[in-house]
Amino acid sequence: MDIAAFKAQIDAARGFECTAGGITFRLRLPTQHAWRLAIEQNVTADGVVLRARAMRAVLDAALVGWDGVTPATIMSGADAAPLPFSAEARALLLEHRQDIADELSTQVGIELLRRRDSLEETRKN
């Protein structure tokens, strides 16, 4: 198998969609290694996890697309035309709409647990 095709297959298997604030978001679950790095890179000297920073690192990598975001989603009274997905637009959304960032964080956690439980069940059988 071509390694690029295999990588694309792995990435696709980690993908899922969810809705928050009436908007459809496309996310890709972090690998276990990426999750671990996000945690380890965001701790105090005393080992306390800086959860908001760690989760933002996860969302920066996990949020890969959307349907329905407009400038008005980010700032009340702004243009209502569709806002194309980009890294810069993602940063603006996550910075200015903590409610959406929180919901996406929750959905990533739920999906990680669901997939972990499914994998454990498969291993048992």
PDB file of N, CA and C in Angstrom:
ATOM      1  N   MET A   1       0.850  -1.183   0.000  1.00  0.00           N
ATOM      2  CA  MET A   1       0.000   0.000   0.000  1.00  0.00           C
ATOM      3  C   MET A   1       0.895   1.245   0.000  1.00  0.00           C
ATOM      4  N   ASP A   2       0.495   2.220  -0.752  1.00  0.00           N
ATOM      5  CA  ASP A   2       1.157   3.519  -0.796  1.00  0.00           C
ATOM      6  C   ASP A   2       1.037   4.171   0.580  1.00  0.00           C
ATOM      7  N   ILE A   3       2.153   4.665   1.125  1.00  0.00           N
ATOM      8  CA  ILE A   3       2.148   5.239   2.468  1.00  0.00           C
ATOM      9  C   ILE A   3       1.264   6.481   2.553  1.00  0.00           C
ATOM     10  N   ALA A   4       1.212   7.292   1.517  1.00  0.00           N
ATOM     11  CA  ALA A   4       0.355   8.484   1.521  1.00  0.00           C
ATOM     12  C   ALA A   4      -1.115   8.080   1.591  1.00  0.00           C
ATOM     13  N   ALA A   5      -1.476   7.029   0.857  1.00  0.00           N
ATOM     14  CA  ALA A   5      -2.862   6.548   0.895  1.00  0.00           C
ATOM     15  C   ALA A   5      -3.184   5.976   2.272  1.00  0.00           C
ATOM     16  N   PHE A   6      -2.223   5.276   2.867  1.00  0.00           N
ATOM     17  CA  PHE A   6      -2.424   4.704   4.193  1.00  0.00           C
ATOM     18  C   PHE A   6      -2.587   5.810   5.233  1.00  0.00           C
ATOM     19  N   LYS A   7      -1.752   6.856   5.153  1.00  0.00           N
ATOM     20  CA  LYS A   7      -1.866   7.986   6.076  1.00  0.00           C
ATOM     21  C   LYS A   7      -3.232   8.656   5.925  1.00  0.00           C
ATOM     22  N   ALA A   8      -3.690   8.836   4.691  1.00  0.00           N
ATOM     23  CA  ALA A   8      -5.004   9.431   4.455  1.00  0.00           C
ATOM     24  C   ALA A   8      -6.110   8.569   5.063  1.00  0.00           C
ATOM     25  N   GLN A   9      -5.959   7.262   4.978  1.00  0.00           N
ATOM     26  CA  GLN A   9      -6.935   6.339   5.566  1.00  0.00           C
ATOM     27  C   GLN A   9      -6.954   6.476   7.092  1.00  0.00           C
ATOM     28  N   ILE A  10      -5.784   6.577   7.698  1.00  0.00           N
ATOM     29  CA  ILE A  10      -5.696   6.753   9.147  1.00  0.00           C
ATOM     30  C   ILE A  10      -6.343   8.073   9.561  1.00  0.00           C
ATOM     31  N   ASP A  11      -6.012   9.154   8.842  1.00  0.00           N
ATOM     32  CA  ASP A  11      -6.593  10.469   9.164  1.00  0.00           C
ATOM     33  C   ASP A  11      -8.111  10.451   9.029  1.00  0.00           C
ATOM     34  N   ALA A  12      -8.607   9.808   7.985  1.00  0.00           N
ATOM     35  CA  ALA A  12     -10.055   9.730   7.773  1.00  0.00           C
ATOM     36  C   ALA A  12     -10.729   8.963   8.907  1.00  0.00           C
ATOM     37  N   ALA A  13     -10.075   7.920   9.392  1.00  0.00           N
ATOM     38  CA  ALA A  13     -10.652   7.116  10.475  1.00  0.00           C
ATOM     39  C   ALA A  13     -10.740   7.915  11.783  1.00  0.00           C
ATOM     40  N   ARG A  14      -9.907   8.924  11.938  1.00  0.00           N
ATOM     41  CA  ARG A  14      -9.923   9.748  13.148  1.00  0.00           C
ATOM     42  C   ARG A  14     -10.909  10.905  13.044  1.00  0.00           C
ATOM     43  N   GLY A  15     -11.524  11.088  11.877  1.00  0.00           N
ATOM     44  CA  GLY A  15     -12.409  12.222  11.667  1.00  0.00           C
ATOM     45  C   GLY A  15     -13.826  11.985  12.153  1.00  0.00           C
ATOM     46  N   PHE A  16     -14.494  13.078  12.532  1.00  0.00           N
ATOM     47  CA  PHE A  16     -15.908  13.032  12.876  1.00  0.00           C
ATOM     48  C   PHE A  16     -16.482  14.434  12.755  1.00  0.00           C
ATOM     49  N   GLU A  17     -17.789  14.518  12.714  1.00  0.00           N
ATOM     50  CA  GLU A  17     -18.491  15.800  12.665  1.00  0.00           C
ATOM     51  C   GLU A  17     -19.343  15.963  13.903  1.00  0.00           C
ATOM     52  N   CYS A  18     -19.526  17.203  14.295  1.00  0.00           N
ATOM     53  CA  CYS A  18     -20.448  17.508  15.397  1.00  0.00           C
ATOM     54  C   CYS A  18     -21.039  18.885  15.139  1.00  0.00           C
ATOM     55  N   THR A  19     -22.066  19.204  15.906  1.00  0.00           N
ATOM     56  CA  THR A  19     -22.738  20.487  15.777  1.00  0.00           C
ATOM     57  C   THR A  19     -22.608  21.254  17.079  1.00  0.00           C
ATOM     58  N   ALA A  20     -22.309  22.537  16.953  1.00  0.00           N
ATOM     59  CA  ALA A  20     -22.257  23.427  18.113  1.00  0.00           C
ATOM     60  C   ALA A  20     -22.749  24.795  17.643  1.00  0.00           C
ATOM     61  N   GLY A  21     -23.679  25.357  18.374  1.00  0.00           N
ATOM     62  CA  GLY A  21     -24.204  26.663  18.011  1.00  0.00           C
ATOM     63  C   GLY A  21     -24.857  26.689  16.642  1.00  0.00           C
ATOM     64  N   GLY A  22     -25.420  25.549  16.223  1.00  0.00           N
ATOM     65  CA  GLY A  22     -26.076  25.466  14.928  1.00  0.00           C
ATOM     66  C   GLY A  22     -25.113  25.359  13.754  1.00  0.00           C
ATOM     67  N   ILE A  23     -23.839  25.142  14.033  1.00  0.00           N
ATOM     68  CA  ILE A  23     -22.799  25.056  13.006  1.00  0.00           C
ATOM     69  C   ILE A  23     -22.251  23.639  12.986  1.00  0.00           C
ATOM     70  N   THR A  24     -21.995  23.131  11.792  1.00  0.00           N
ATOM     71  CA  THR A  24     -21.387  21.809  11.660  1.00  0.00           C
ATOM     72  C   THR A  24     -19.879  21.966  11.610  1.00  0.00           C
ATOM     73  N   PHE A  25     -19.208  21.254  12.498  1.00  0.00           N
ATOM     74  CA  PHE A  25     -17.748  21.290  12.572  1.00  0.00           C
ATOM     75  C   PHE A  25     -17.178  19.931  12.205  1.00  0.00           C
ATOM     76  N   ARG A  26     -16.077  19.949  11.465  1.00  0.00           N
ATOM     77  CA  ARG A  26     -15.335  18.732  11.143  1.00  0.00           C
ATOM     78  C   ARG A  26     -14.085  18.709  12.005  1.00  0.00           C
ATOM     79  N   LEU A  27     -13.927  17.603  12.714  1.00  0.00           N
ATOM     80  CA  LEU A  27     -12.790  17.459  13.610  1.00  0.00           C
ATOM     81  C   LEU A  27     -12.041  16.165  13.316  1.00  0.00           C
ATOM     82  N   ARG A  28     -10.782  16.151  13.695  1.00  0.00           N
ATOM     83  CA  ARG A  28      -9.962  14.951  13.587  1.00  0.00           C
ATOM     84  C   ARG A  28      -9.363  14.719  14.967  1.00  0.00           C
ATOM     85  N   LEU A  29      -9.685  13.578  15.552  1.00  0.00           N
ATOM     86  CA  LEU A  29      -9.190  13.272  16.888  1.00  0.00           C
ATOM     87  C   LEU A  29      -7.671  13.274  16.903  1.00  0.00           C
ATOM     88  N   PRO A  30      -7.088  13.781  17.993  1.00  0.00           N
ATOM     89  CA  PRO A  30      -5.635  13.728  18.094  1.00  0.00           C
ATOM     90  C   PRO A  30      -5.181  12.284  18.314  1.00  0.00           C
ATOM     91  N   THR A  31      -3.982  12.007  17.866  1.00  0.00           N
ATOM     92  CA  THR A  31      -3.398  10.699  18.183  1.00  0.00           C
ATOM     93  C   THR A  31      -3.100  10.682  19.679  1.00  0.00           C
ATOM     94  N   GLN A  32      -2.838   9.511  20.218  1.00  0.00           N
ATOM     95  CA  GLN A  32      -2.495   9.437  21.633  1.00  0.00           C
ATOM     96  C   GLN A  32      -1.230  10.225  21.928  1.00  0.00           C
ATOM     97  N   HIS A  33      -0.288  10.185  20.985  1.00  0.00           N
ATOM     98  CA  HIS A  33       0.961  10.931  21.162  1.00  0.00           C
ATOM     99  C   HIS A  33       0.696  12.439  21.159  1.00  0.00           C
ATOM    100  N   ALA A  34      -0.105  12.930  20.223  1.00  0.00           N
ATOM    101  CA  ALA A  34      -0.420  14.353  20.156  1.00  0.00           C
ATOM    102  C   ALA A  34      -1.149  14.804  21.423  1.00  0.00           C
ATOM    103  N   TRP A  35      -2.050  13.956  21.905  1.00  0.00           N
ATOM    104  CA  TRP A  35      -2.778  14.268  23.140  1.00  0.00           C
ATOM    105  C   TRP A  35      -1.788  14.397  24.294  1.00  0.00           C
ATOM    106  N   ARG A  36      -0.874  13.437  24.396  1.00  0.00           N
ATOM    107  CA  ARG A  36       0.127  13.445  25.469  1.00  0.00           C
ATOM    108  C   ARG A  36       1.005  14.700  25.376  1.00  0.00           C
ATOM    109  N   LEU A  37       1.436  15.055  24.160  1.00  0.00           N
ATOM    110  CA  LEU A  37       2.255  16.257  23.985  1.00  0.00           C
ATOM    111  C   LEU A  37       1.506  17.509  24.404  1.00  0.00           C
ATOM    112  N   ALA A  38       0.240  17.611  24.046  1.00  0.00           N
ATOM    113  CA  ALA A  38      -0.557  18.783  24.417  1.00  0.00           C
ATOM    114  C   ALA A  38      -0.608  18.937  25.931  1.00  0.00           C
ATOM    115  N   ILE A  39      -0.724  17.838  26.619  1.00  0.00           N
ATOM    116  CA  ILE A  39      -0.751  17.876  28.085  1.00  0.00           C
ATOM    117  C   ILE A  39       0.622  18.230  28.633  1.00  0.00           C
ATOM    118  N   GLU A  40       1.644  17.484  28.201  1.00  0.00           N
ATOM    119  CA  GLU A  40       2.985  17.670  28.752  1.00  0.00           C
ATOM    120  C   GLU A  40       3.573  19.047  28.452  1.00  0.00           C
ATOM    121  N   GLN A  41       3.183  19.657  27.347  1.00  0.00           N
ATOM    122  CA  GLN A  41       3.706  20.976  26.995  1.00  0.00           C
ATOM    123  C   GLN A  41       2.963  22.101  27.704  1.00  0.00           C
ATOM    124  N   ASN A  42       1.936  21.754  28.444  1.00  0.00           N
ATOM    125  CA  ASN A  42       1.121  22.768  29.114  1.00  0.00           C
ATOM    126  C   ASN A  42       0.905  22.419  30.577  1.00  0.00           C
ATOM    127  N   VAL A  43       2.019  22.334  31.294  1.00  0.00           N
ATOM    128  CA  VAL A  43       1.986  22.082  32.736  1.00  0.00           C
ATOM    129  C   VAL A  43       2.856  23.115  33.441  1.00  0.00           C
ATOM    130  N   THR A  44       2.525  23.377  34.694  1.00  0.00           N
ATOM    131  CA  THR A  44       3.347  24.271  35.503  1.00  0.00           C
ATOM    132  C   THR A  44       4.568  23.510  35.997  1.00  0.00           C
ATOM    133  N   ALA A  45       5.478  24.211  36.631  1.00  0.00           N
ATOM    134  CA  ALA A  45       6.673  23.581  37.213  1.00  0.00           C
ATOM    135  C   ALA A  45       6.287  22.547  38.261  1.00  0.00           C
ATOM    136  N   ASP A  46       5.109  22.727  38.861  1.00  0.00           N
ATOM    137  CA  ASP A  46       4.624  21.790  39.883  1.00  0.00           C
ATOM    138  C   ASP A  46       3.849  20.615  39.284  1.00  0.00           C
ATOM    139  N   GLY A  47       3.756  20.567  37.962  1.00  0.00           N
ATOM    140  CA  GLY A  47       3.064  19.458  37.311  1.00  0.00           C
ATOM    141  C   GLY A  47       1.560  19.639  37.164  1.00  0.00           C
ATOM    142  N   VAL A  48       1.055  20.835  37.408  1.00  0.00           N
ATOM    143  CA  VAL A  48      -0.372  21.103  37.272  1.00  0.00           C
ATOM    144  C   VAL A  48      -0.668  21.385  35.795  1.00  0.00           C
ATOM    145  N   VAL A  49      -1.627  20.662  35.255  1.00  0.00           N
ATOM    146  CA  VAL A  49      -1.983  20.837  33.848  1.00  0.00           C
ATOM    147  C   VAL A  49      -2.740  22.144  33.664  1.00  0.00           C
ATOM    148  N   LEU A  50      -2.281  22.933  32.698  1.00  0.00           N
ATOM    149  CA  LEU A  50      -2.976  24.159  32.319  1.00  0.00           C
ATOM    150  C   LEU A  50      -4.018  23.755  31.279  1.00  0.00           C
ATOM    151  N   ARG A  51      -5.193  23.381  31.781  1.00  0.00           N
ATOM    152  CA  ARG A  51      -6.204  22.744  30.935  1.00  0.00           C
ATOM    153  C   ARG A  51      -6.637  23.593  29.751  1.00  0.00           C
ATOM    154  N   ALA A  52      -6.827  24.881  29.945  1.00  0.00           N
ATOM    155  CA  ALA A  52      -7.281  25.727  28.839  1.00  0.00           C
ATOM    156  C   ALA A  52      -6.238  25.759  27.726  1.00  0.00           C
ATOM    157  N   ARG A  53      -4.979  25.878  28.075  1.00  0.00           N
ATOM    158  CA  ARG A  53      -3.910  25.883  27.063  1.00  0.00           C
ATOM    159  C   ARG A  53      -3.796  24.533  26.373  1.00  0.00           C
ATOM    160  N   ALA A  54      -3.865  23.473  27.160  1.00  0.00           N
ATOM    161  CA  ALA A  54      -3.756  22.129  26.579  1.00  0.00           C
ATOM    162  C   ALA A  54      -4.909  21.863  25.617  1.00  0.00           C
ATOM    163  N   MET A  55      -6.118  22.246  26.021  1.00  0.00           N
ATOM    164  CA  MET A  55      -7.269  21.991  25.162  1.00  0.00           C
ATOM    165  C   MET A  55      -7.224  22.844  23.916  1.00  0.00           C
ATOM    166  N   ARG A  56      -6.724  24.076  24.014  1.00  0.00           N
ATOM    167  CA  ARG A  56      -6.585  24.911  22.820  1.00  0.00           C
ATOM    168  C   ARG A  56      -5.598  24.268  21.854  1.00  0.00           C
ATOM    169  N   ALA A  57      -4.520  23.710  22.376  1.00  0.00           N
ATOM    170  CA  ALA A  57      -3.560  23.026  21.501  1.00  0.00           C
ATOM    171  C   ALA A  57      -4.228  21.857  20.788  1.00  0.00           C
ATOM    172  N   VAL A  58      -5.056  21.129  21.512  1.00  0.00           N
ATOM    173  CA  VAL A  58      -5.779  20.010  20.901  1.00  0.00           C
ATOM    174  C   VAL A  58      -6.739  20.528  19.835  1.00  0.00           C
ATOM    175  N   LEU A  59      -7.523  21.561  20.163  1.00  0.00           N
ATOM    176  CA  LEU A  59      -8.499  22.086  19.200  1.00  0.00           C
ATOM    177  C   LEU A  59      -7.830  22.714  17.977  1.00  0.00           C
ATOM    178  N   ASP A  60      -6.675  23.338  18.178  1.00  0.00           N
ATOM    179  CA  ASP A  60      -5.964  23.910  17.029  1.00  0.00           C
ATOM    180  C   ASP A  60      -5.621  22.835  16.006  1.00  0.00           C
ATOM    181  N   ALA A  61      -5.321  21.644  16.486  1.00  0.00           N
ATOM    182  CA  ALA A  61      -5.013  20.547  15.563  1.00  0.00           C
ATOM    183  C   ALA A  61      -6.269  19.798  15.130  1.00  0.00           C
ATOM    184  N   ALA A  62      -7.244  19.682  16.021  1.00  0.00           N
ATOM    185  CA  ALA A  62      -8.410  18.834  15.759  1.00  0.00           C
ATOM    186  C   ALA A  62      -9.436  19.483  14.836  1.00  0.00           C
ATOM    187  N   LEU A  63      -9.644  20.785  14.946  1.00  0.00           N
ATOM    188  CA  LEU A  63     -10.666  21.460  14.149  1.00  0.00           C
ATOM    189  C   LEU A  63     -10.127  21.685  12.733  1.00  0.00           C
ATOM    190  N   VAL A  64     -10.700  20.945  11.786  1.00  0.00           N
ATOM    191  CA  VAL A  64     -10.173  20.955  10.415  1.00  0.00           C
ATOM    192  C   VAL A  64     -11.161  21.496   9.377  1.00  0.00           C
ATOM    193  N   GLY A  65     -12.362  21.878   9.795  1.00  0.00           N
ATOM    194  CA  GLY A  65     -13.308  22.428   8.833  1.00  0.00           C
ATOM    195  C   GLY A  65     -14.641  22.743   9.479  1.00  0.00           C
ATOM    196  N   TRP A  66     -15.478  23.444   8.716  1.00  0.00           N
ATOM    197  CA  TRP A  66     -16.810  23.792   9.208  1.00  0.00           C
ATOM    198  C   TRP A  66     -17.730  24.172   8.067  1.00  0.00           C
ATOM    199  N   ASP A  67     -19.014  24.167   8.375  1.00  0.00           N
ATOM    200  CA  ASP A  67     -20.058  24.668   7.491  1.00  0.00           C
ATOM    201  C   ASP A  67     -20.968  25.531   8.342  1.00  0.00           C
ATOM    202  N   GLY A  68     -21.075  26.808   8.007  1.00  0.00           N
ATOM    203  CA  GLY A  68     -22.004  27.674   8.711  1.00  0.00           C
ATOM    204  C   GLY A  68     -21.374  28.779   9.534  1.00  0.00           C
ATOM    205  N   VAL A  69     -20.056  28.846   9.605  1.00  0.00           N
ATOM    206  CA  VAL A  69     -19.427  29.954  10.339  1.00  0.00           C
ATOM    207  C   VAL A  69     -19.431  31.191   9.451  1.00  0.00           C
ATOM    208  N   THR A  70     -19.784  32.311  10.047  1.00  0.00           N
ATOM    209  CA  THR A  70     -19.750  33.610   9.374  1.00  0.00           C
ATOM    210  C   THR A  70     -18.996  34.569  10.282  1.00  0.00           C
ATOM    211  N   PRO A  71     -18.591  35.722   9.777  1.00  0.00           N
ATOM    212  CA  PRO A  71     -18.004  36.724  10.673  1.00  0.00           C
ATOM    213  C   PRO A  71     -18.950  37.077  11.826  1.00  0.00           C
ATOM    214  N   ALA A  72     -20.267  37.045  11.577  1.00  0.00           N
ATOM    215  CA  ALA A  72     -21.245  37.342  12.635  1.00  0.00           C
ATOM    216  C   ALA A  72     -21.235  36.276  13.728  1.00  0.00           C
ATOM    217  N   THR A  73     -20.778  35.072  13.411  1.00  0.00           N
ATOM    218  CA  THR A  73     -20.631  34.036  14.438  1.00  0.00           C
ATOM    219  C   THR A  73     -19.594  34.473  15.460  1.00  0.00           C
ATOM    220  N   ILE A  74     -18.589  35.153  14.992  1.00  0.00           N
ATOM    221  CA  ILE A  74     -17.461  35.548  15.838  1.00  0.00           C
ATOM    222  C   ILE A  74     -17.714  36.897  16.507  1.00  0.00           C
ATOM    223  N   MET A  75     -18.295  37.828  15.758  1.00  0.00           N
ATOM    224  CA  MET A  75     -18.527  39.171  16.284  1.00  0.00           C
ATOM    225  C   MET A  75     -19.929  39.639  15.902  1.00  0.00           C
ATOM    226  N   SER A  76     -20.727  39.897  16.902  1.00  0.00           N
ATOM    227  CA  SER A  76     -22.097  40.349  16.676  1.00  0.00           C
ATOM    228  C   SER A  76     -22.121  41.572  15.779  1.00  0.00           C
ATOM    229  N   GLY A  77     -23.017  41.547  14.788  1.00  0.00           N
ATOM    230  CA  GLY A  77     -23.187  42.662  13.883  1.00  0.00           C
ATOM    231  C   GLY A  77     -22.282  42.614  12.661  1.00  0.00           C
ATOM    232  N   ALA A  78     -21.382  41.648  12.607  1.00  0.00           N
ATOM    233  CA  ALA A  78     -20.486  41.534  11.452  1.00  0.00           C
ATOM    234  C   ALA A  78     -21.233  40.896  10.284  1.00  0.00           C
ATOM    235  N   ASP A  79     -20.571  40.813   9.169  1.00  0.00           N
ATOM    236  CA  ASP A  79     -21.107  40.241   7.938  1.00  0.00           C
ATOM    237  C   ASP A  79     -21.635  38.816   8.174  1.00  0.00           C
ATOM    238  N   ALA A  80     -22.699  38.471   7.489  1.00  0.00           N
ATOM    239  CA  ALA A  80     -23.299  37.147   7.631  1.00  0.00           C
ATOM    240  C   ALA A  80     -22.938  36.219   6.475  1.00  0.00           C
ATOM    241  N   ALA A  81     -21.998  36.623   5.628  1.00  0.00           N
ATOM    242  CA  ALA A  81     -21.558  35.764   4.521  1.00  0.00           C
ATOM    243  C   ALA A  81     -20.709  34.623   5.085  1.00  0.00           C
ATOM    244  N   PRO A  82     -20.699  33.477   4.415  1.00  0.00           N
ATOM    245  CA  PRO A  82     -19.888  32.358   4.903  1.00  0.00           C
ATOM    246  C   PRO A  82     -18.415  32.746   5.065  1.00  0.00           C
ATOM    247  N   LEU A  83     -17.816  32.282   6.133  1.00  0.00           N
ATOM    248  CA  LEU A  83     -16.394  32.507   6.390  1.00  0.00           C
ATOM    249  C   LEU A  83     -15.664  31.209   6.080  1.00  0.00           C
ATOM    250  N   PRO A  84     -14.828  31.204   5.043  1.00  0.00           N
ATOM    251  CA  PRO A  84     -14.107  29.976   4.711  1.00  0.00           C
ATOM    252  C   PRO A  84     -13.199  29.557   5.862  1.00  0.00           C
ATOM    253  N   PHE A  85     -13.039  28.260   6.010  1.00  0.00           N
ATOM    254  CA  PHE A  85     -12.168  27.742   7.050  1.00  0.00           C
ATOM    255  C   PHE A  85     -10.714  28.027   6.699  1.00  0.00           C
ATOM    256  N   SER A  86      -9.964  28.475   7.680  1.00  0.00           N
ATOM    257  CA  SER A  86      -8.521  28.646   7.571  1.00  0.00           C
ATOM    258  C   SER A  86      -7.964  28.611   8.987  1.00  0.00           C
ATOM    259  N   ALA A  87      -6.664  28.474   9.103  1.00  0.00           N
ATOM    260  CA  ALA A  87      -6.048  28.472  10.434  1.00  0.00           C
ATOM    261  C   ALA A  87      -6.312  29.802  11.147  1.00  0.00           C
ATOM    262  N   GLU A  88      -6.262  30.902  10.400  1.00  0.00           N
ATOM    263  CA  GLU A  88      -6.497  32.216  11.001  1.00  0.00           C
ATOM    264  C   GLU A  88      -7.951  32.368  11.447  1.00  0.00           C
ATOM    265  N   ALA A  89      -8.890  31.922  10.617  1.00  0.00           N
ATOM    266  CA  ALA A  89     -10.306  31.997  10.987  1.00  0.00           C
ATOM    267  C   ALA A  89     -10.588  31.092  12.185  1.00  0.00           C
ATOM    268  N   ARG A  90      -9.976  29.904  12.199  1.00  0.00           N
ATOM    269  CA  ARG A  90     -10.133  28.993  13.344  1.00  0.00           C
ATOM    270  C   ARG A  90      -9.662  29.668  14.622  1.00  0.00           C
ATOM    271  N   ALA A  91      -8.497  30.326  14.580  1.00  0.00           N
ATOM    272  CA  ALA A  91      -7.966  31.003  15.761  1.00  0.00           C
ATOM    273  C   ALA A  91      -8.917  32.090  16.246  1.00  0.00           C
ATOM    274  N   LEU A  92      -9.489  32.860  15.314  1.00  0.00           N
ATOM    275  CA  LEU A  92     -10.443  33.897  15.702  1.00  0.00           C
ATOM    276  C   LEU A  92     -11.680  33.309  16.366  1.00  0.00           C
ATOM    277  N   LEU A  93     -12.218  32.241  15.782  1.00  0.00           N
ATOM    278  CA  LEU A  93     -13.405  31.608  16.352  1.00  0.00           C
ATOM    279  C   LEU A  93     -13.121  31.094  17.758  1.00  0.00           C
ATOM    280  N   LEU A  94     -12.037  30.358  17.920  1.00  0.00           N
ATOM    281  CA  LEU A  94     -11.734  29.773  19.227  1.00  0.00           C
ATOM    282  C   LEU A  94     -11.411  30.836  20.271  1.00  0.00           C
ATOM    283  N   GLU A  95     -10.840  31.945  19.835  1.00  0.00           N
ATOM    284  CA  GLU A  95     -10.492  33.031  20.753  1.00  0.00           C
ATOM    285  C   GLU A  95     -11.724  33.814  21.212  1.00  0.00           C
ATOM    286  N   HIS A  96     -12.666  34.019  20.313  1.00  0.00           N
ATOM    287  CA  HIS A  96     -13.796  34.901  20.614  1.00  0.00           C
ATOM    288  C   HIS A  96     -15.094  34.185  20.955  1.00  0.00           C
ATOM    289  N   ARG A  97     -15.151  32.888  20.755  1.00  0.00           N
ATOM    290  CA  ARG A  97     -16.375  32.125  21.074  1.00  0.00           C
ATOM    291  C   ARG A  97     -16.021  30.959  21.984  1.00  0.00           C
ATOM    292  N   GLN A  98     -15.769  31.299  23.249  1.00  0.00           N
ATOM    293  CA  GLN A  98     -15.400  30.272  24.220  1.00  0.00           C
ATOM    294  C   GLN A  98     -16.494  29.231  24.373  1.00  0.00           C
ATOM    295  N   ASP A  99     -17.760  29.646  24.192  1.00  0.00           N
ATOM    296  CA  ASP A  99     -18.848  28.679  24.299  1.00  0.00           C
ATOM    297  C   ASP A  99     -18.720  27.584  23.238  1.00  0.00           C
ATOM    298  N   ILE A 100     -18.362  27.977  22.029  1.00  0.00           N
ATOM    299  CA  ILE A 100     -18.172  26.985  20.962  1.00  0.00           C
ATOM    300  C   ILE A 100     -16.926  26.161  21.231  1.00  0.00           C
ATOM    301  N   ALA A 101     -15.838  26.813  21.661  1.00  0.00           N
ATOM    302  CA  ALA A 101     -14.618  26.073  21.986  1.00  0.00           C
ATOM    303  C   ALA A 101     -14.884  25.042  23.080  1.00  0.00           C
ATOM    304  N   ASP A 102     -15.656  25.424  24.082  1.00  0.00           N
ATOM    305  CA  ASP A 102     -15.980  24.489  25.169  1.00  0.00           C
ATOM    306  C   ASP A 102     -16.790  23.306  24.653  1.00  0.00           C
ATOM    307  N   GLU A 103     -17.771  23.574  23.796  1.00  0.00           N
ATOM    308  CA  GLU A 103     -18.597  22.485  23.247  1.00  0.00           C
ATOM    309  C   GLU A 103     -17.752  21.556  22.382  1.00  0.00           C
ATOM    310  N   LEU A 104     -16.868  22.121  21.568  1.00  0.00           N
ATOM    311  CA  LEU A 104     -16.009  21.273  20.735  1.00  0.00           C
ATOM    312  C   LEU A 104     -15.069  20.439  21.599  1.00  0.00           C
ATOM    313  N   SER A 105     -14.557  21.033  22.671  1.00  0.00           N
ATOM    314  CA  SER A 105     -13.701  20.285  23.604  1.00  0.00           C
ATOM    315  C   SER A 105     -14.461  19.110  24.199  1.00  0.00           C
ATOM    316  N   THR A 106     -15.695  19.363  24.595  1.00  0.00           N
ATOM    317  CA  THR A 106     -16.526  18.299  25.150  1.00  0.00           C
ATOM    318  C   THR A 106     -16.762  17.199  24.126  1.00  0.00           C
ATOM    319  N   GLN A 107     -17.059  17.586  22.900  1.00  0.00           N
ATOM    320  CA  GLN A 107     -17.315  16.597  21.844  1.00  0.00           C
ATOM    321  C   GLN A 107     -16.070  15.773  21.532  1.00  0.00           C
ATOM    322  N   VAL A 108     -14.898  16.399  21.541  1.00  0.00           N
ATOM    323  CA  VAL A 108     -13.649  15.650  21.328  1.00  0.00           C
ATOM    324  C   VAL A 108     -13.481  14.632  22.447  1.00  0.00           C
ATOM    325  N   GLY A 109     -13.714  15.048  23.685  1.00  0.00           N
ATOM    326  CA  GLY A 109     -13.592  14.124  24.815  1.00  0.00           C
ATOM    327  C   GLY A 109     -14.569  12.966  24.729  1.00  0.00           C
ATOM    328  N   ILE A 110     -15.811  13.253  24.382  1.00  0.00           N
ATOM    329  CA  ILE A 110     -16.832  12.204  24.248  1.00  0.00           C
ATOM    330  C   ILE A 110     -16.436  11.217  23.161  1.00  0.00           C
ATOM    331  N   GLU A 111     -15.986  11.744  22.031  1.00  0.00           N
ATOM    332  CA  GLU A 111     -15.608  10.869  20.914  1.00  0.00           C
ATOM    333  C   GLU A 111     -14.376  10.043  21.252  1.00  0.00           C
ATOM    334  N   LEU A 112     -13.414  10.625  21.949  1.00  0.00           N
ATOM    335  CA  LEU A 112     -12.240   9.856  22.378  1.00  0.00           C
ATOM    336  C   LEU A 112     -12.651   8.692  23.285  1.00  0.00           C
ATOM    337  N   LEU A 113     -13.524   8.960  24.237  1.00  0.00           N
ATOM    338  CA  LEU A 113     -13.992   7.908  25.141  1.00  0.00           C
ATOM    339  C   LEU A 113     -14.781   6.840  24.383  1.00  0.00           C
ATOM    340  N   ARG A 114     -15.646   7.274  23.472  1.00  0.00           N
ATOM    341  CA  ARG A 114     -16.436   6.318  22.697  1.00  0.00           C
ATOM    342  C   ARG A 114     -15.526   5.394  21.891  1.00  0.00           C
ATOM    343  N   ARG A 115     -14.534   5.970  21.251  1.00  0.00           N
ATOM    344  CA  ARG A 115     -13.632   5.150  20.436  1.00  0.00           C
ATOM    345  C   ARG A 115     -12.741   4.260  21.289  1.00  0.00           C
ATOM    346  N   ARG A 116     -12.320   4.758  22.438  1.00  0.00           N
ATOM    347  CA  ARG A 116     -11.518   3.924  23.337  1.00  0.00           C
ATOM    348  C   ARG A 116     -12.332   2.728  23.822  1.00  0.00           C
ATOM    349  N   ASP A 117     -13.581   2.976  24.212  1.00  0.00           N
ATOM    350  CA  ASP A 117     -14.448   1.890  24.658  1.00  0.00           C
ATOM    351  C   ASP A 117     -14.681   0.876  23.544  1.00  0.00           C
ATOM    352  N   SER A 118     -14.871   1.366  22.327  1.00  0.00           N
ATOM    353  CA  SER A 118     -15.070   0.481  21.178  1.00  0.00           C
ATOM    354  C   SER A 118     -13.825  -0.366  20.922  1.00  0.00           C
ATOM    355  N   LEU A 119     -12.652   0.246  21.021  1.00  0.00           N
ATOM    356  CA  LEU A 119     -11.398  -0.483  20.817  1.00  0.00           C
ATOM    357  C   LEU A 119     -11.208  -1.540  21.890  1.00  0.00           C
ATOM    358  N   GLU A 120     -11.506  -1.201  23.137  1.00  0.00           N
ATOM    359  CA  GLU A 120     -11.386  -2.171  24.227  1.00  0.00           C
ATOM    360  C   GLU A 120     -12.349  -3.344  24.015  1.00  0.00           C
ATOM    361  N   GLU A 121     -13.550  -3.048  23.571  1.00  0.00           N
ATOM    362  CA  GLU A 121     -14.525  -4.112  23.314  1.00  0.00           C
ATOM    363  C   GLU A 121     -14.039  -5.015  22.191  1.00  0.00           C
ATOM    364  N   THR A 122     -13.477  -4.417  21.157  1.00  0.00           N
ATOM    365  CA  THR A 122     -12.947  -5.208  20.035  1.00  0.00           C
ATOM    366  C   THR A 122     -11.801  -6.088  20.495  1.00  0.00           C
ATOM    367  N   ARG A 123     -10.931  -5.587  21.335  1.00  0.00           N
ATOM    368  CA  ARG A 123      -9.790  -6.365  21.842  1.00  0.00           C
ATOM    369  C   ARG A 123     -10.240  -7.546  22.689  1.00  0.00           C
ATOM    370  N   LYS A 124     -11.344  -7.376  23.413  1.00  0.00           N
ATOM    371  CA  LYS A 124     -11.871  -8.443  24.259  1.00  0.00           C
ATOM    372  C   LYS A 124     -12.387  -9.606  23.425  1.00  0.00           C
ATOM    373  N   ASN A 125     -12.920  -9.304  22.252  1.00  0.00           N
ATOM    374  CA  ASN A 125     -13.541 -10.331  21.422  1.00  0.00           C
ATOM    375  C   ASN A 125     -12.570 -11.003  20.519  1.00  0.00           C
TER     376      ASN A 125
END
